[in-house]
Amino acid sequence: MKEIVEDVKRWRECGERVAVATVVATRRSAPRPIGAKFAVSEAGEMCGSVSGGCVENDVAVQALEVIASGEPRLLSYGISDEQALGVGLPCGGEIDVFLERLD
């Protein structure tokens, strides 16, 4: 959390809403541990990491939807036949990411 605190604080002081994504489960080889965090401001600024860069773009898109709706989401990422052409983790691991708006 320490890696995102200053940016989140600055965004909120400017009146922006923020979503925070947290790794809540990992399977096999995961690039970041449980508890890793990634934050997105409603202006689209980002900080932190939940995957070392391989799924952050998708998390950021979904974060903007969570900011708008206020509805949290549980996202799962990994390599599967369905995901081979989309978002996946090249390391072969799987992660679950909980995404919520800070209120």
PDB file of N, CA and C in Angstrom:
ATOM      1  N   MET A   1       0.834  -1.198   0.000  1.00  0.00           N
ATOM      2  CA  MET A   1       0.000   0.000   0.000  1.00  0.00           C
ATOM      3  C   MET A   1       0.873   1.254   0.000  1.00  0.00           C
ATOM      4  N   LYS A   2       2.031   1.169   0.629  1.00  0.00           N
ATOM      5  CA  LYS A   2       2.896   2.329   0.755  1.00  0.00           C
ATOM      6  C   LYS A   2       3.236   2.935  -0.604  1.00  0.00           C
ATOM      7  N   GLU A   3       3.366   2.089  -1.635  1.00  0.00           N
ATOM      8  CA  GLU A   3       3.761   2.592  -2.949  1.00  0.00           C
ATOM      9  C   GLU A   3       2.683   3.435  -3.630  1.00  0.00           C
ATOM     10  N   ILE A   4       1.429   3.369  -3.166  1.00  0.00           N
ATOM     11  CA  ILE A   4       0.369   4.155  -3.798  1.00  0.00           C
ATOM     12  C   ILE A   4      -0.171   5.276  -2.920  1.00  0.00           C
ATOM     13  N   VAL A   5       0.202   5.302  -1.657  1.00  0.00           N
ATOM     14  CA  VAL A   5      -0.397   6.227  -0.689  1.00  0.00           C
ATOM     15  C   VAL A   5      -0.267   7.683  -1.100  1.00  0.00           C
ATOM     16  N   GLU A   6       0.910   8.117  -1.472  1.00  0.00           N
ATOM     17  CA  GLU A   6       1.116   9.538  -1.781  1.00  0.00           C
ATOM     18  C   GLU A   6       0.303   9.974  -2.999  1.00  0.00           C
ATOM     19  N   ASP A   7       0.283   9.147  -4.056  1.00  0.00           N
ATOM     20  CA  ASP A   7      -0.496   9.502  -5.239  1.00  0.00           C
ATOM     21  C   ASP A   7      -1.987   9.533  -4.929  1.00  0.00           C
ATOM     22  N   VAL A   8      -2.474   8.529  -4.210  1.00  0.00           N
ATOM     23  CA  VAL A   8      -3.900   8.484  -3.868  1.00  0.00           C
ATOM     24  C   VAL A   8      -4.274   9.698  -3.022  1.00  0.00           C
ATOM     25  N   LYS A   9      -3.437  10.025  -2.076  1.00  0.00           N
ATOM     26  CA  LYS A   9      -3.694  11.189  -1.223  1.00  0.00           C
ATOM     27  C   LYS A   9      -3.779  12.458  -2.070  1.00  0.00           C
ATOM     28  N   ARG A  10      -2.846  12.639  -2.997  1.00  0.00           N
ATOM     29  CA  ARG A  10      -2.827  13.823  -3.857  1.00  0.00           C
ATOM     30  C   ARG A  10      -4.081  13.888  -4.729  1.00  0.00           C
ATOM     31  N   TRP A  11      -4.454  12.761  -5.324  1.00  0.00           N
ATOM     32  CA  TRP A  11      -5.652  12.738  -6.173  1.00  0.00           C
ATOM     33  C   TRP A  11      -6.898  13.109  -5.381  1.00  0.00           C
ATOM     34  N   ARG A  12      -7.026  12.536  -4.193  1.00  0.00           N
ATOM     35  CA  ARG A  12      -8.213  12.809  -3.377  1.00  0.00           C
ATOM     36  C   ARG A  12      -8.235  14.254  -2.894  1.00  0.00           C
ATOM     37  N   GLU A  13      -7.066  14.820  -2.583  1.00  0.00           N
ATOM     38  CA  GLU A  13      -7.006  16.224  -2.183  1.00  0.00           C
ATOM     39  C   GLU A  13      -7.441  17.146  -3.319  1.00  0.00           C
ATOM     40  N   CYS A  14      -7.283  16.683  -4.560  1.00  0.00           N
ATOM     41  CA  CYS A  14      -7.725  17.455  -5.736  1.00  0.00           C
ATOM     42  C   CYS A  14      -9.194  17.192  -6.059  1.00  0.00           C
ATOM     43  N   GLY A  15      -9.853  16.380  -5.236  1.00  0.00           N
ATOM     44  CA  GLY A  15     -11.273  16.114  -5.422  1.00  0.00           C
ATOM     45  C   GLY A  15     -11.597  14.968  -6.359  1.00  0.00           C
ATOM     46  N   GLU A  16     -10.582  14.231  -6.768  1.00  0.00           N
ATOM     47  CA  GLU A  16     -10.829  13.106  -7.673  1.00  0.00           C
ATOM     48  C   GLU A  16     -11.244  11.856  -6.906  1.00  0.00           C
ATOM     49  N   ARG A  17     -12.117  11.085  -7.546  1.00  0.00           N
ATOM     50  CA  ARG A  17     -12.442   9.770  -7.003  1.00  0.00           C
ATOM     51  C   ARG A  17     -11.368   8.796  -7.461  1.00  0.00           C
ATOM     52  N   VAL A  18     -11.199   7.717  -6.688  1.00  0.00           N
ATOM     53  CA  VAL A  18     -10.104   6.772  -6.908  1.00  0.00           C
ATOM     54  C   VAL A  18     -10.607   5.352  -6.723  1.00  0.00           C
ATOM     55  N   ALA A  19     -10.088   4.439  -7.547  1.00  0.00           N
ATOM     56  CA  ALA A  19     -10.328   3.010  -7.356  1.00  0.00           C
ATOM     57  C   ALA A  19      -8.999   2.346  -7.017  1.00  0.00           C
ATOM     58  N   VAL A  20      -9.068   1.362  -6.123  1.00  0.00           N
ATOM     59  CA  VAL A  20      -7.879   0.613  -5.731  1.00  0.00           C
ATOM     60  C   VAL A  20      -8.101  -0.861  -6.024  1.00  0.00           C
ATOM     61  N   ALA A  21      -7.115  -1.460  -6.687  1.00  0.00           N
ATOM     62  CA  ALA A  21      -7.124  -2.890  -6.988  1.00  0.00           C
ATOM     63  C   ALA A  21      -6.111  -3.566  -6.073  1.00  0.00           C
ATOM     64  N   THR A  22      -6.504  -4.711  -5.497  1.00  0.00           N
ATOM     65  CA  THR A  22      -5.640  -5.451  -4.587  1.00  0.00           C
ATOM     66  C   THR A  22      -5.591  -6.914  -5.010  1.00  0.00           C
ATOM     67  N   VAL A  23      -4.384  -7.471  -5.103  1.00  0.00           N
ATOM     68  CA  VAL A  23      -4.251  -8.900  -5.379  1.00  0.00           C
ATOM     69  C   VAL A  23      -4.731  -9.653  -4.139  1.00  0.00           C
ATOM     70  N   VAL A  24      -5.756 -10.495  -4.322  1.00  0.00           N
ATOM     71  CA  VAL A  24      -6.326 -11.226  -3.185  1.00  0.00           C
ATOM     72  C   VAL A  24      -6.049 -12.720  -3.259  1.00  0.00           C
ATOM     73  N   ALA A  25      -5.582 -13.223  -4.407  1.00  0.00           N
ATOM     74  CA  ALA A  25      -5.223 -14.646  -4.529  1.00  0.00           C
ATOM     75  C   ALA A  25      -4.267 -14.809  -5.695  1.00  0.00           C
ATOM     76  N   THR A  26      -3.366 -15.776  -5.561  1.00  0.00           N
ATOM     77  CA  THR A  26      -2.453 -16.125  -6.652  1.00  0.00           C
ATOM     78  C   THR A  26      -2.397 -17.638  -6.777  1.00  0.00           C
ATOM     79  N   ARG A  27      -2.173 -18.092  -8.000  1.00  0.00           N
ATOM     80  CA  ARG A  27      -1.985 -19.516  -8.256  1.00  0.00           C
ATOM     81  C   ARG A  27      -0.809 -19.672  -9.212  1.00  0.00           C
ATOM     82  N   ARG A  28       0.010 -20.643  -8.957  1.00  0.00           N
ATOM     83  CA  ARG A  28       1.216 -20.902  -9.745  1.00  0.00           C
ATOM     84  C   ARG A  28       2.161 -19.699  -9.686  1.00  0.00           C
ATOM     85  N   SER A  29       2.810 -19.390 -10.767  1.00  0.00           N
ATOM     86  CA  SER A  29       3.820 -18.337 -10.794  1.00  0.00           C
ATOM     87  C   SER A  29       3.156 -16.977 -10.998  1.00  0.00           C
ATOM     88  N   ALA A  30       3.094 -16.178  -9.952  1.00  0.00           N
ATOM     89  CA  ALA A  30       2.459 -14.858 -10.045  1.00  0.00           C
ATOM     90  C   ALA A  30       3.528 -13.777  -9.911  1.00  0.00           C
ATOM     91  N   PRO A  31       3.433 -12.708 -10.699  1.00  0.00           N
ATOM     92  CA  PRO A  31       4.455 -11.664 -10.674  1.00  0.00           C
ATOM     93  C   PRO A  31       4.436 -10.790  -9.428  1.00  0.00           C
ATOM     94  N   ARG A  32       3.289 -10.684  -8.749  1.00  0.00           N
ATOM     95  CA  ARG A  32       3.181  -9.846  -7.550  1.00  0.00           C
ATOM     96  C   ARG A  32       2.476 -10.660  -6.465  1.00  0.00           C
ATOM     97  N   PRO A  33       2.809 -10.420  -5.207  1.00  0.00           N
ATOM     98  CA  PRO A  33       2.228 -11.199  -4.115  1.00  0.00           C
ATOM     99  C   PRO A  33       0.833 -10.722  -3.725  1.00  0.00           C
ATOM    100  N   ILE A  34       0.163 -11.551  -2.943  1.00  0.00           N
ATOM    101  CA  ILE A  34      -1.111 -11.151  -2.353  1.00  0.00           C
ATOM    102  C   ILE A  34      -0.874  -9.857  -1.573  1.00  0.00           C
ATOM    103  N   GLY A  35      -1.797  -8.919  -1.728  1.00  0.00           N
ATOM    104  CA  GLY A  35      -1.677  -7.628  -1.061  1.00  0.00           C
ATOM    105  C   GLY A  35      -1.127  -6.523  -1.949  1.00  0.00           C
ATOM    106  N   ALA A  36      -0.536  -6.880  -3.104  1.00  0.00           N
ATOM    107  CA  ALA A  36      -0.022  -5.852  -4.024  1.00  0.00           C
ATOM    108  C   ALA A  36      -1.177  -4.961  -4.471  1.00  0.00           C
ATOM    109  N   LYS A  37      -0.909  -3.667  -4.641  1.00  0.00           N
ATOM    110  CA  LYS A  37      -1.970  -2.707  -4.936  1.00  0.00           C
ATOM    111  C   LYS A  37      -1.651  -1.859  -6.161  1.00  0.00           C
ATOM    112  N   PHE A  38      -2.733  -1.430  -6.811  1.00  0.00           N
ATOM    113  CA  PHE A  38      -2.681  -0.587  -8.004  1.00  0.00           C
ATOM    114  C   PHE A  38      -3.842   0.382  -7.878  1.00  0.00           C
ATOM    115  N   ALA A  39      -3.601   1.668  -8.105  1.00  0.00           N
ATOM    116  CA  ALA A  39      -4.666   2.663  -7.976  1.00  0.00           C
ATOM    117  C   ALA A  39      -4.835   3.428  -9.276  1.00  0.00           C
ATOM    118  N   VAL A  40      -6.074   3.862  -9.509  1.00  0.00           N
ATOM    119  CA  VAL A  40      -6.416   4.620 -10.709  1.00  0.00           C
ATOM    120  C   VAL A  40      -7.298   5.792 -10.288  1.00  0.00           C
ATOM    121  N   SER A  41      -6.944   6.990 -10.779  1.00  0.00           N
ATOM    122  CA  SER A  41      -7.781   8.160 -10.506  1.00  0.00           C
ATOM    123  C   SER A  41      -8.836   8.269 -11.591  1.00  0.00           C
ATOM    124  N   GLU A  42      -9.889   9.049 -11.330  1.00  0.00           N
ATOM    125  CA  GLU A  42     -10.922   9.199 -12.355  1.00  0.00           C
ATOM    126  C   GLU A  42     -10.408   9.936 -13.581  1.00  0.00           C
ATOM    127  N   ALA A  43      -9.263  10.604 -13.471  1.00  0.00           N
ATOM    128  CA  ALA A  43      -8.633  11.247 -14.625  1.00  0.00           C
ATOM    129  C   ALA A  43      -7.788  10.253 -15.419  1.00  0.00           C
ATOM    130  N   GLY A  44      -7.662   9.030 -14.891  1.00  0.00           N
ATOM    131  CA  GLY A  44      -6.913   7.991 -15.600  1.00  0.00           C
ATOM    132  C   GLY A  44      -5.459   7.859 -15.198  1.00  0.00           C
ATOM    133  N   GLU A  45      -5.035   8.601 -14.178  1.00  0.00           N
ATOM    134  CA  GLU A  45      -3.667   8.430 -13.680  1.00  0.00           C
ATOM    135  C   GLU A  45      -3.569   7.107 -12.933  1.00  0.00           C
ATOM    136  N   MET A  46      -2.390   6.480 -12.973  1.00  0.00           N
ATOM    137  CA  MET A  46      -2.203   5.172 -12.359  1.00  0.00           C
ATOM    138  C   MET A  46      -0.938   5.145 -11.512  1.00  0.00           C
ATOM    139  N   CYS A  47      -0.947   4.292 -10.486  1.00  0.00           N
ATOM    140  CA  CYS A  47       0.250   4.054  -9.689  1.00  0.00           C
ATOM    141  C   CYS A  47       0.160   2.654  -9.087  1.00  0.00           C
ATOM    142  N   GLY A  48       1.323   2.102  -8.730  1.00  0.00           N
ATOM    143  CA  GLY A  48       1.381   0.762  -8.165  1.00  0.00           C
ATOM    144  C   GLY A  48       1.356  -0.303  -9.248  1.00  0.00           C
ATOM    145  N   SER A  49       1.188  -1.559  -8.807  1.00  0.00           N
ATOM    146  CA  SER A  49       1.180  -2.675  -9.750  1.00  0.00           C
ATOM    147  C   SER A  49       0.554  -3.900  -9.109  1.00  0.00           C
ATOM    148  N   VAL A  50      -0.256  -4.605  -9.896  1.00  0.00           N
ATOM    149  CA  VAL A  50      -0.801  -5.890  -9.438  1.00  0.00           C
ATOM    150  C   VAL A  50      -0.227  -7.057 -10.230  1.00  0.00           C
ATOM    151  N   SER A  51       0.508  -6.749 -11.328  1.00  0.00           N
ATOM    152  CA  SER A  51       1.004  -7.854 -12.155  1.00  0.00           C
ATOM    153  C   SER A  51       2.341  -7.585 -12.813  1.00  0.00           C
ATOM    154  N   GLY A  52       2.992  -6.524 -12.472  1.00  0.00           N
ATOM    155  CA  GLY A  52       4.232  -6.218 -13.150  1.00  0.00           C
ATOM    156  C   GLY A  52       4.010  -5.672 -14.548  1.00  0.00           C
ATOM    157  N   GLY A  53       2.790  -5.272 -14.870  1.00  0.00           N
ATOM    158  CA  GLY A  53       2.514  -4.614 -16.128  1.00  0.00           C
ATOM    159  C   GLY A  53       1.683  -5.376 -17.133  1.00  0.00           C
ATOM    160  N   CYS A  54       1.412  -6.657 -16.916  1.00  0.00           N
ATOM    161  CA  CYS A  54       0.720  -7.415 -17.957  1.00  0.00           C
ATOM    162  C   CYS A  54      -0.795  -7.267 -17.944  1.00  0.00           C
ATOM    163  N   VAL A  55      -1.426  -6.868 -16.858  1.00  0.00           N
ATOM    164  CA  VAL A  55      -2.888  -6.713 -16.858  1.00  0.00           C
ATOM    165  C   VAL A  55      -3.351  -5.327 -16.404  1.00  0.00           C
ATOM    166  N   GLU A  56      -2.424  -4.449 -16.092  1.00  0.00           N
ATOM    167  CA  GLU A  56      -2.799  -3.144 -15.558  1.00  0.00           C
ATOM    168  C   GLU A  56      -3.709  -2.350 -16.492  1.00  0.00           C
ATOM    169  N   ASN A  57      -3.496  -2.433 -17.800  1.00  0.00           N
ATOM    170  CA  ASN A  57      -4.356  -1.674 -18.717  1.00  0.00           C
ATOM    171  C   ASN A  57      -5.812  -2.106 -18.592  1.00  0.00           C
ATOM    172  N   ASP A  58      -6.054  -3.405 -18.506  1.00  0.00           N
ATOM    173  CA  ASP A  58      -7.431  -3.872 -18.346  1.00  0.00           C
ATOM    174  C   ASP A  58      -7.991  -3.470 -16.985  1.00  0.00           C
ATOM    175  N   VAL A  59      -7.188  -3.597 -15.944  1.00  0.00           N
ATOM    176  CA  VAL A  59      -7.638  -3.190 -14.607  1.00  0.00           C
ATOM    177  C   VAL A  59      -7.986  -1.699 -14.614  1.00  0.00           C
ATOM    178  N   ALA A  60      -7.189  -0.881 -15.302  1.00  0.00           N
ATOM    179  CA  ALA A  60      -7.451   0.560 -15.354  1.00  0.00           C
ATOM    180  C   ALA A  60      -8.785   0.861 -16.033  1.00  0.00           C
ATOM    181  N   VAL A  61      -9.080   0.171 -17.123  1.00  0.00           N
ATOM    182  CA  VAL A  61     -10.364   0.363 -17.812  1.00  0.00           C
ATOM    183  C   VAL A  61     -11.513  -0.002 -16.881  1.00  0.00           C
ATOM    184  N   GLN A  62     -11.390  -1.132 -16.204  1.00  0.00           N
ATOM    185  CA  GLN A  62     -12.448  -1.562 -15.293  1.00  0.00           C
ATOM    186  C   GLN A  62     -12.523  -0.662 -14.067  1.00  0.00           C
ATOM    187  N   ALA A  63     -11.390  -0.106 -13.644  1.00  0.00           N
ATOM    188  CA  ALA A  63     -11.382   0.805 -12.499  1.00  0.00           C
ATOM    189  C   ALA A  63     -12.227   2.040 -12.783  1.00  0.00           C
ATOM    190  N   LEU A  64     -12.145   2.560 -14.000  1.00  0.00           N
ATOM    191  CA  LEU A  64     -12.960   3.732 -14.342  1.00  0.00           C
ATOM    192  C   LEU A  64     -14.445   3.403 -14.274  1.00  0.00           C
ATOM    193  N   GLU A  65     -14.815   2.179 -14.641  1.00  0.00           N
ATOM    194  CA  GLU A  65     -16.213   1.755 -14.530  1.00  0.00           C
ATOM    195  C   GLU A  65     -16.624   1.629 -13.062  1.00  0.00           C
ATOM    196  N   VAL A  66     -15.714   1.107 -12.230  1.00  0.00           N
ATOM    197  CA  VAL A  66     -15.998   0.977 -10.795  1.00  0.00           C
ATOM    198  C   VAL A  66     -16.112   2.357 -10.156  1.00  0.00           C
ATOM    199  N   ILE A  67     -15.263   3.298 -10.564  1.00  0.00           N
ATOM    200  CA  ILE A  67     -15.360   4.663 -10.038  1.00  0.00           C
ATOM    201  C   ILE A  67     -16.733   5.245 -10.371  1.00  0.00           C
ATOM    202  N   ALA A  68     -17.182   5.047 -11.596  1.00  0.00           N
ATOM    203  CA  ALA A  68     -18.469   5.607 -12.026  1.00  0.00           C
ATOM    204  C   ALA A  68     -19.652   4.945 -11.322  1.00  0.00           C
ATOM    205  N   SER A  69     -19.606   3.628 -11.157  1.00  0.00           N
ATOM    206  CA  SER A  69     -20.755   2.900 -10.612  1.00  0.00           C
ATOM    207  C   SER A  69     -20.722   2.731  -9.098  1.00  0.00           C
ATOM    208  N   GLY A  70     -19.523   2.693  -8.528  1.00  0.00           N
ATOM    209  CA  GLY A  70     -19.386   2.398  -7.106  1.00  0.00           C
ATOM    210  C   GLY A  70     -19.486   0.924  -6.781  1.00  0.00           C
ATOM    211  N   GLU A  71     -19.696   0.089  -7.803  1.00  0.00           N
ATOM    212  CA  GLU A  71     -19.837  -1.363  -7.612  1.00  0.00           C
ATOM    213  C   GLU A  71     -18.466  -2.033  -7.661  1.00  0.00           C
ATOM    214  N   PRO A  72     -18.036  -2.699  -6.575  1.00  0.00           N
ATOM    215  CA  PRO A  72     -16.744  -3.392  -6.607  1.00  0.00           C
ATOM    216  C   PRO A  72     -16.789  -4.606  -7.538  1.00  0.00           C
ATOM    217  N   ARG A  73     -15.616  -5.077  -7.926  1.00  0.00           N
ATOM    218  CA  ARG A  73     -15.513  -6.244  -8.815  1.00  0.00           C
ATOM    219  C   ARG A  73     -14.381  -7.140  -8.373  1.00  0.00           C
ATOM    220  N   LEU A  74     -14.551  -8.425  -8.628  1.00  0.00           N
ATOM    221  CA  LEU A  74     -13.475  -9.391  -8.459  1.00  0.00           C
ATOM    222  C   LEU A  74     -13.058  -9.822  -9.859  1.00  0.00           C
ATOM    223  N   LEU A  75     -11.815  -9.544 -10.202  1.00  0.00           N
ATOM    224  CA  LEU A  75     -11.290  -9.834 -11.533  1.00  0.00           C
ATOM    225  C   LEU A  75     -10.313 -11.010 -11.443  1.00  0.00           C
ATOM    226  N   SER A  76     -10.323 -11.876 -12.430  1.00  0.00           N
ATOM    227  CA  SER A  76      -9.378 -12.991 -12.487  1.00  0.00           C
ATOM    228  C   SER A  76      -8.603 -12.925 -13.787  1.00  0.00           C
ATOM    229  N   TYR A  77      -7.299 -13.128 -13.684  1.00  0.00           N
ATOM    230  CA  TYR A  77      -6.425 -13.093 -14.851  1.00  0.00           C
ATOM    231  C   TYR A  77      -5.511 -14.308 -14.846  1.00  0.00           C
ATOM    232  N   GLY A  78      -5.241 -14.807 -16.027  1.00  0.00           N
ATOM    233  CA  GLY A  78      -4.314 -15.912 -16.214  1.00  0.00           C
ATOM    234  C   GLY A  78      -4.369 -16.350 -17.655  1.00  0.00           C
ATOM    235  N   ILE A  79      -3.586 -17.327 -17.982  1.00  0.00           N
ATOM    236  CA  ILE A  79      -3.576 -17.846 -19.343  1.00  0.00           C
ATOM    237  C   ILE A  79      -4.517 -19.040 -19.427  1.00  0.00           C
ATOM    238  N   SER A  80      -5.488 -18.921 -20.316  1.00  0.00           N
ATOM    239  CA  SER A  80      -6.392 -20.027 -20.620  1.00  0.00           C
ATOM    240  C   SER A  80      -6.662 -19.962 -22.109  1.00  0.00           C
ATOM    241  N   ASP A  81      -7.324 -20.965 -22.648  1.00  0.00           N
ATOM    242  CA  ASP A  81      -7.634 -20.950 -24.078  1.00  0.00           C
ATOM    243  C   ASP A  81      -8.445 -19.712 -24.438  1.00  0.00           C
ATOM    244  N   GLU A  82      -9.396 -19.348 -23.582  1.00  0.00           N
ATOM    245  CA  GLU A  82     -10.238 -18.190 -23.853  1.00  0.00           C
ATOM    246  C   GLU A  82      -9.445 -16.887 -23.797  1.00  0.00           C
ATOM    247  N   GLN A  83      -8.432 -16.839 -22.956  1.00  0.00           N
ATOM    248  CA  GLN A  83      -7.668 -15.610 -22.774  1.00  0.00           C
ATOM    249  C   GLN A  83      -6.437 -15.532 -23.673  1.00  0.00           C
ATOM    250  N   ALA A  84      -6.157 -16.559 -24.423  1.00  0.00           N
ATOM    251  CA  ALA A  84      -4.940 -16.581 -25.235  1.00  0.00           C
ATOM    252  C   ALA A  84      -4.867 -15.397 -26.190  1.00  0.00           C
ATOM    253  N   LEU A  85      -5.990 -14.923 -26.668  1.00  0.00           N
ATOM    254  CA  LEU A  85      -6.000 -13.783 -27.583  1.00  0.00           C
ATOM    255  C   LEU A  85      -6.251 -12.469 -26.862  1.00  0.00           C
ATOM    256  N   GLY A  86      -6.512 -12.512 -25.561  1.00  0.00           N
ATOM    257  CA  GLY A  86      -6.807 -11.287 -24.811  1.00  0.00           C
ATOM    258  C   GLY A  86      -5.789 -11.033 -23.730  1.00  0.00           C
ATOM    259  N   VAL A  87      -6.286 -10.627 -22.585  1.00  0.00           N
ATOM    260  CA  VAL A  87      -5.433 -10.293 -21.450  1.00  0.00           C
ATOM    261  C   VAL A  87      -5.014 -11.568 -20.741  1.00  0.00           C
ATOM    262  N   GLY A  88      -3.758 -11.665 -20.388  1.00  0.00           N
ATOM    263  CA  GLY A  88      -3.282 -12.830 -19.655  1.00  0.00           C
ATOM    264  C   GLY A  88      -1.952 -12.557 -18.997  1.00  0.00           C
ATOM    265  N   LEU A  89      -1.526 -13.482 -18.180  1.00  0.00           N
ATOM    266  CA  LEU A  89      -0.245 -13.361 -17.507  1.00  0.00           C
ATOM    267  C   LEU A  89       0.780 -14.225 -18.235  1.00  0.00           C
ATOM    268  N   PRO A  90       1.792 -13.633 -18.840  1.00  0.00           N
ATOM    269  CA  PRO A  90       2.761 -14.398 -19.600  1.00  0.00           C
ATOM    270  C   PRO A  90       3.575 -15.352 -18.735  1.00  0.00           C
ATOM    271  N   CYS A  91       3.612 -15.121 -17.423  1.00  0.00           N
ATOM    272  CA  CYS A  91       4.377 -16.000 -16.547  1.00  0.00           C
ATOM    273  C   CYS A  91       3.667 -17.327 -16.320  1.00  0.00           C
ATOM    274  N   GLY A  92       2.426 -17.443 -16.778  1.00  0.00           N
ATOM    275  CA  GLY A  92       1.697 -18.697 -16.627  1.00  0.00           C
ATOM    276  C   GLY A  92       0.922 -18.795 -15.334  1.00  0.00           C
ATOM    277  N   GLY A  93       1.005 -17.792 -14.480  1.00  0.00           N
ATOM    278  CA  GLY A  93       0.271 -17.813 -13.228  1.00  0.00           C
ATOM    279  C   GLY A  93      -1.128 -17.254 -13.377  1.00  0.00           C
ATOM    280  N   GLU A  94      -1.825 -17.235 -12.263  1.00  0.00           N
ATOM    281  CA  GLU A  94      -3.174 -16.666 -12.223  1.00  0.00           C
ATOM    282  C   GLU A  94      -3.265 -15.765 -11.002  1.00  0.00           C
ATOM    283  N   ILE A  95      -3.998 -14.662 -11.161  1.00  0.00           N
ATOM    284  CA  ILE A  95      -4.231 -13.776 -10.022  1.00  0.00           C
ATOM    285  C   ILE A  95      -5.698 -13.387  -9.970  1.00  0.00           C
ATOM    286  N   ASP A  96      -6.184 -13.168  -8.761  1.00  0.00           N
ATOM    287  CA  ASP A  96      -7.503 -12.588  -8.541  1.00  0.00           C
ATOM    288  C   ASP A  96      -7.266 -11.216  -7.944  1.00  0.00           C
ATOM    289  N   VAL A  97      -7.982 -10.229  -8.474  1.00  0.00           N
ATOM    290  CA  VAL A  97      -7.804  -8.838  -8.074  1.00  0.00           C
ATOM    291  C   VAL A  97      -9.153  -8.280  -7.654  1.00  0.00           C
ATOM    292  N   PHE A  98      -9.218  -7.753  -6.426  1.00  0.00           N
ATOM    293  CA  PHE A  98     -10.432  -7.099  -5.944  1.00  0.00           C
ATOM    294  C   PHE A  98     -10.302  -5.615  -6.237  1.00  0.00           C
ATOM    295  N   LEU A  99     -11.303  -5.065  -6.924  1.00  0.00           N
ATOM    296  CA  LEU A  99     -11.286  -3.675  -7.355  1.00  0.00           C
ATOM    297  C   LEU A  99     -12.435  -2.940  -6.688  1.00  0.00           C
ATOM    298  N   GLU A 100     -12.117  -1.845  -5.971  1.00  0.00           N
ATOM    299  CA  GLU A 100     -13.147  -1.085  -5.267  1.00  0.00           C
ATOM    300  C   GLU A 100     -12.872   0.409  -5.335  1.00  0.00           C
ATOM    301  N   ARG A 101     -13.941   1.189  -5.256  1.00  0.00           N
ATOM    302  CA  ARG A 101     -13.805   2.640  -5.200  1.00  0.00           C
ATOM    303  C   ARG A 101     -13.568   3.058  -3.751  1.00  0.00           C
ATOM    304  N   LEU A 102     -12.652   3.986  -3.562  1.00  0.00           N
ATOM    305  CA  LEU A 102     -12.443   4.538  -2.226  1.00  0.00           C
ATOM    306  C   LEU A 102     -13.494   5.597  -1.982  1.00  0.00           C
ATOM    307  N   ASP A 103     -14.196   5.485  -0.871  1.00  0.00           N
ATOM    308  CA  ASP A 103     -15.191   6.484  -0.518  1.00  0.00           C
ATOM    309  C   ASP A 103     -14.825   7.137   0.783  1.00  0.00           C
TER     310      ASP A 103
END
